[in-house]
C-alpha atoms as a PDB file:
ATOM      1  CA  MET A   1       4.647   8.975  19.944  1.00  0.00           C
ATOM      2  CA  LEU A   2       4.106   8.214  16.016  1.00  0.00           C
ATOM      3  CA  SER A   3       5.916  10.627  13.564  1.00  0.00           C
ATOM      4  CA  LEU A   4       5.143   9.699   9.784  1.00  0.00           C
ATOM      5  CA  GLU A   5       7.819  11.423   7.697  1.00  0.00           C
ATOM      6  CA  TYR A   6       6.493  12.524   3.868  1.00  0.00           C
ATOM      7  CA  CYS A   7       8.637  13.617   1.099  1.00  0.00           C
ATOM      8  CA  TRP A   8       8.248  15.078  -2.351  1.00  0.00           C
ATOM      9  CA  GLY A   9      10.973  14.716  -5.171  1.00  0.00           C
ATOM     10  CA  GLY A  10      13.370  13.052  -2.252  1.00  0.00           C
ATOM     11  CA  LYS A  11      13.331  15.777  -0.282  1.00  0.00           C
ATOM     12  CA  ARG A  12      12.182  15.642   3.289  1.00  0.00           C
ATOM     13  CA  VAL A  13       8.847  17.925   3.352  1.00  0.00           C
ATOM     14  CA  GLY A  14       7.016  17.656   6.939  1.00  0.00           C
ATOM     15  CA  ILE A  15       6.258  15.338   9.619  1.00  0.00           C
ATOM     16  CA  VAL A  16       2.911  14.132  10.222  1.00  0.00           C
ATOM     17  CA  GLY A  17       1.854  13.245  13.816  1.00  0.00           C
ATOM     18  CA  LEU A  18      -1.224  11.416  15.592  1.00  0.00           C
ATOM     19  CA  GLY A  19      -2.540  15.101  15.725  1.00  0.00           C
ATOM     20  CA  SER A  20      -2.846  15.334  12.320  1.00  0.00           C
ATOM     21  CA  ILE A  21      -4.166  12.340  11.624  1.00  0.00           C
ATOM     22  CA  ALA A  22      -6.755  12.776  14.492  1.00  0.00           C
ATOM     23  CA  ASN A  23      -8.095  15.688  12.156  1.00  0.00           C
ATOM     24  CA  SER A  24      -8.119  13.511   9.094  1.00  0.00           C
ATOM     25  CA  ASP A  25     -10.996  11.276   7.813  1.00  0.00           C
ATOM     26  CA  ILE A  26      -8.694   9.383   5.062  1.00  0.00           C
ATOM     27  CA  LEU A  27      -5.413   8.054   5.671  1.00  0.00           C
ATOM     28  CA  ILE A  28      -4.065   6.645   2.337  1.00  0.00           C
ATOM     29  CA  ILE A  29      -0.881   4.503   2.503  1.00  0.00           C
ATOM     30  CA  CYS A  30       1.782   4.361  -0.392  1.00  0.00           C
ATOM     31  CA  CYS A  31       5.134   3.982   1.035  1.00  0.00           C
ATOM     32  CA  ALA A  32       7.553   1.265   0.792  1.00  0.00           C
ATOM     33  CA  LEU A  33       7.818  -1.640   3.530  1.00  0.00           C
ATOM     34  CA  THR A  34      11.254  -1.570   5.614  1.00  0.00           C
ATOM     35  CA  ASP A  35      11.763  -2.668   9.107  1.00  0.00           C
ATOM     36  CA  GLN A  36      10.865   0.987   9.879  1.00  0.00           C
ATOM     37  CA  THR A  37       7.743   0.921   8.406  1.00  0.00           C
ATOM     38  CA  ARG A  38       6.439  -2.454   9.191  1.00  0.00           C
ATOM     39  CA  HIS A  39       3.061  -1.984  11.317  1.00  0.00           C
ATOM     40  CA  ILE A  40       3.667   1.893  11.121  1.00  0.00           C
ATOM     41  CA  ILE A  41      -0.260   1.691  10.880  1.00  0.00           C
ATOM     42  CA  ASN A  42      -1.027   0.351  14.389  1.00  0.00           C
ATOM     43  CA  LYS A  43      -3.705   0.748  16.998  1.00  0.00           C
ATOM     44  CA  ASP A  44      -2.625   4.333  17.900  1.00  0.00           C
ATOM     45  CA  VAL A  45      -3.196   5.359  14.357  1.00  0.00           C
ATOM     46  CA  MET A  46      -6.267   3.515  14.133  1.00  0.00           C
ATOM     47  CA  PHE A  47      -7.517   4.983  17.371  1.00  0.00           C
ATOM     48  CA  ALA A  48      -6.517   8.652  16.334  1.00  0.00           C
ATOM     49  CA  LEU A  49      -8.332   8.449  12.942  1.00  0.00           C
ATOM     50  CA  GLY A  50     -11.278   7.408  14.709  1.00  0.00           C
ATOM     51  CA  LYS A  51     -14.850   6.110  14.241  1.00  0.00           C
ATOM     52  CA  GLU A  52     -15.230   8.178  10.879  1.00  0.00           C
ATOM     53  CA  GLY A  53     -11.839   7.444   9.717  1.00  0.00           C
ATOM     54  CA  VAL A  54     -11.222   5.047   6.723  1.00  0.00           C
ATOM     55  CA  ILE A  55      -7.592   3.538   5.705  1.00  0.00           C
ATOM     56  CA  ILE A  56      -6.542   3.246   1.847  1.00  0.00           C
ATOM     57  CA  ASN A  57      -3.616   0.838   1.746  1.00  0.00           C
ATOM     58  CA  VAL A  58      -2.109   0.632  -1.756  1.00  0.00           C
ATOM     59  CA  GLY A  59       1.583   0.319  -0.660  1.00  0.00           C
ATOM     60  CA  ARG A  60       2.200  -2.917   1.115  1.00  0.00           C
ATOM     61  CA  GLY A  61       0.166  -4.807   3.516  1.00  0.00           C
ATOM     62  CA  ALA A  62       2.518  -5.283   6.420  1.00  0.00           C
ATOM     63  CA  LEU A  63       2.571  -1.431   6.814  1.00  0.00           C
ATOM     64  CA  ILE A  64      -0.787  -1.817   8.502  1.00  0.00           C
ATOM     65  CA  ASP A  65      -1.192  -4.264  11.820  1.00  0.00           C
ATOM     66  CA  GLU A  66      -3.472  -6.195   9.866  1.00  0.00           C
ATOM     67  CA  LYS A  67      -5.314  -7.831  12.988  1.00  0.00           C
ATOM     68  CA  GLU A  68      -5.858  -4.206  14.701  1.00  0.00           C
ATOM     69  CA  LEU A  69      -7.225  -3.687  11.593  1.00  0.00           C
ATOM     70  CA  VAL A  70      -9.476  -6.197  11.518  1.00  0.00           C
ATOM     71  CA  ARG A  71     -10.501  -5.982  15.140  1.00  0.00           C
ATOM     72  CA  CYS A  72     -11.357  -2.179  14.540  1.00  0.00           C
ATOM     73  CA  LEU A  73     -13.495  -2.309  11.525  1.00  0.00           C
ATOM     74  CA  VAL A  74     -15.549  -5.621  12.977  1.00  0.00           C
ATOM     75  CA  GLN A  75     -15.956  -3.846  16.096  1.00  0.00           C
ATOM     76  CA  GLY A  76     -17.471  -0.538  14.500  1.00  0.00           C
ATOM     77  CA  GLU A  77     -14.059   1.384  15.919  1.00  0.00           C
ATOM     78  CA  MET A  78     -13.309   3.171  12.181  1.00  0.00           C
ATOM     79  CA  ARG A  79     -15.454   3.449   8.861  1.00  0.00           C
ATOM     80  CA  GLY A  80     -13.801   1.458   6.586  1.00  0.00           C
ATOM     81  CA  ALA A  81     -11.116   0.398   4.207  1.00  0.00           C
ATOM     82  CA  GLY A  82      -9.868  -0.017   0.829  1.00  0.00           C
ATOM     83  CA  LEU A  83      -7.174  -2.259   0.430  1.00  0.00           C
ATOM     84  CA  ASP A  84      -5.406  -3.754  -2.663  1.00  0.00           C
ATOM     85  CA  VAL A  85      -2.444  -5.066  -0.420  1.00  0.00           C
ATOM     86  CA  PHE A  86      -2.601  -7.971   2.354  1.00  0.00           C
ATOM     87  CA  GLU A  87      -0.054  -8.592   5.099  1.00  0.00           C
ATOM     88  CA  ASN A  88      -0.042 -12.301   4.318  1.00  0.00           C
ATOM     89  CA  GLU A  89      -0.842 -12.314   0.380  1.00  0.00           C
ATOM     90  CA  PRO A  90      -2.247 -14.292  -0.591  1.00  0.00           C
ATOM     91  CA  ASP A  91      -4.431 -15.058   2.229  1.00  0.00           C
ATOM     92  CA  VAL A  92      -6.613 -12.373   2.994  1.00  0.00           C
ATOM     93  CA  PRO A  93      -8.739 -12.796   6.489  1.00  0.00           C
ATOM     94  CA  LYS A  94     -12.091 -13.514   5.841  1.00  0.00           C
ATOM     95  CA  GLU A  95     -13.486 -11.680   8.221  1.00  0.00           C
ATOM     96  CA  LEU A  96     -12.992  -8.608   5.693  1.00  0.00           C
ATOM     97  CA  PHE A  97     -14.966 -10.411   2.776  1.00  0.00           C
ATOM     98  CA  ALA A  98     -18.241  -9.921   4.978  1.00  0.00           C
ATOM     99  CA  LEU A  99     -17.753  -6.209   6.084  1.00  0.00           C
ATOM    100  CA  ASP A 100     -19.847  -3.965   3.786  1.00  0.00           C
ATOM    101  CA  ASP A 101     -17.226  -0.971   4.675  1.00  0.00           C
ATOM    102  CA  VAL A 102     -14.180  -2.573   3.117  1.00  0.00           C
ATOM    103  CA  VAL A 103     -13.306  -2.526  -0.462  1.00  0.00           C
ATOM    104  CA  LEU A 104     -11.039  -5.511  -1.317  1.00  0.00           C
ATOM    105  CA  SER A 105      -9.041  -6.054  -5.062  1.00  0.00           C
ATOM    106  CA  PRO A 106      -6.135  -7.294  -6.209  1.00  0.00           C
ATOM    107  CA  HIS A 107      -2.870  -5.392  -6.257  1.00  0.00           C
ATOM    108  CA  ARG A 108      -2.850  -4.379 -10.164  1.00  0.00           C
ATOM    109  CA  ALA A 109      -2.474  -0.502  -9.751  1.00  0.00           C
ATOM    110  CA  PHE A 110      -0.142  -0.805 -12.896  1.00  0.00           C
ATOM    111  CA  VAL A 111      -2.971  -2.339 -15.371  1.00  0.00           C
ATOM    112  CA  THR A 112      -3.756   0.808 -17.484  1.00  0.00           C
ATOM    113  CA  PRO A 113      -3.730   1.376 -21.071  1.00  0.00           C
ATOM    114  CA  GLU A 114      -0.269   3.197 -20.991  1.00  0.00           C
ATOM    115  CA  SER A 115       1.356   0.633 -18.524  1.00  0.00           C
ATOM    116  CA  PHE A 116       0.338  -1.915 -20.803  1.00  0.00           C
ATOM    117  CA  SER A 117       1.746  -0.616 -23.892  1.00  0.00           C
ATOM    118  CA  ALA A 118       5.058   0.811 -21.900  1.00  0.00           C
ATOM    119  CA  LEU A 119       5.607  -3.095 -21.231  1.00  0.00           C
ATOM    120  CA  GLN A 120       4.951  -4.209 -24.357  1.00  0.00           C
ATOM    121  CA  GLU A 121       7.707  -1.745 -25.648  1.00  0.00           C
ATOM    122  CA  LEU A 122      10.088  -3.119 -23.103  1.00  0.00           C
ATOM    123  CA  MET A 123       9.614  -6.625 -24.221  1.00  0.00           C
ATOM    124  CA  LEU A 124       9.625  -6.033 -27.750  1.00  0.00           C
ATOM    125  CA  ALA A 125      12.958  -4.061 -27.009  1.00  0.00           C
ATOM    126  CA  ASN A 126      14.782  -6.678 -24.923  1.00  0.00           C
ATOM    127  CA  LEU A 127      13.845  -9.476 -27.317  1.00  0.00           C
ATOM    128  CA  GLU A 128      15.326  -7.185 -30.570  1.00  0.00           C
ATOM    129  CA  ALA A 129      18.685  -6.926 -27.933  1.00  0.00           C
ATOM    130  CA  PHE A 130      18.455 -10.272 -27.381  1.00  0.00           C
ATOM    131  CA  PHE A 131      18.385 -11.637 -30.525  1.00  0.00           C
ATOM    132  CA  SER A 132      21.218  -8.727 -31.988  1.00  0.00           C
ATOM    133  CA  ASN A 133      23.645  -9.868 -28.969  1.00  0.00           C
ATOM    134  CA  LYS A 134      23.055  -6.420 -27.070  1.00  0.00           C
ATOM    135  CA  PRO A 135      22.950  -5.672 -23.454  1.00  0.00           C
ATOM    136  CA  LEU A 136      19.404  -6.353 -22.239  1.00  0.00           C
ATOM    137  CA  LEU A 137      17.352  -2.953 -21.271  1.00  0.00           C
ATOM    138  CA  SER A 138      16.079  -4.422 -18.309  1.00  0.00           C
ATOM    139  CA  PRO A 139      18.131  -7.722 -17.224  1.00  0.00           C
ATOM    140  CA  VAL A 140      16.708  -9.747 -14.365  1.00  0.00           C
ATOM    141  CA  LYS A 141      20.053 -10.674 -12.296  1.00  0.00           C
ATOM    142  CA  PHE A 142      19.801 -14.782 -10.634  1.00  0.00           C
ATOM    143  CA  GLU A 143      21.952 -14.798  -7.659  1.00  0.00           C
END
């Protein structure tokens, strides 16, 4: 049995099982990829979501069993998908491009005016720190 734990502010709030998914039309995935979450969205979840179900994945591609997702979409077992991450990036299954009920986009959710301004400020602060022989604000460690 699948159970998805969900958290708020670092605290466990509840668990979602297949029954809750079966009562939903849209499943939005935005969690980290770990050994425990790889393919957490599998055939059972897609079956529970049903013919009216839509999956939106903005987390990591390997959270979804992509081959099973493609099969479900091609065979009409799900209504659609919105994906900006893929299991084997940059390779995207060619079948997805042919489906009218699938929206594909590059993983660029960070590109907003606010995030771009913050990135520019951080870059300038790092340059200032570097040329002043001070510690960098966001050092990259090479190992």
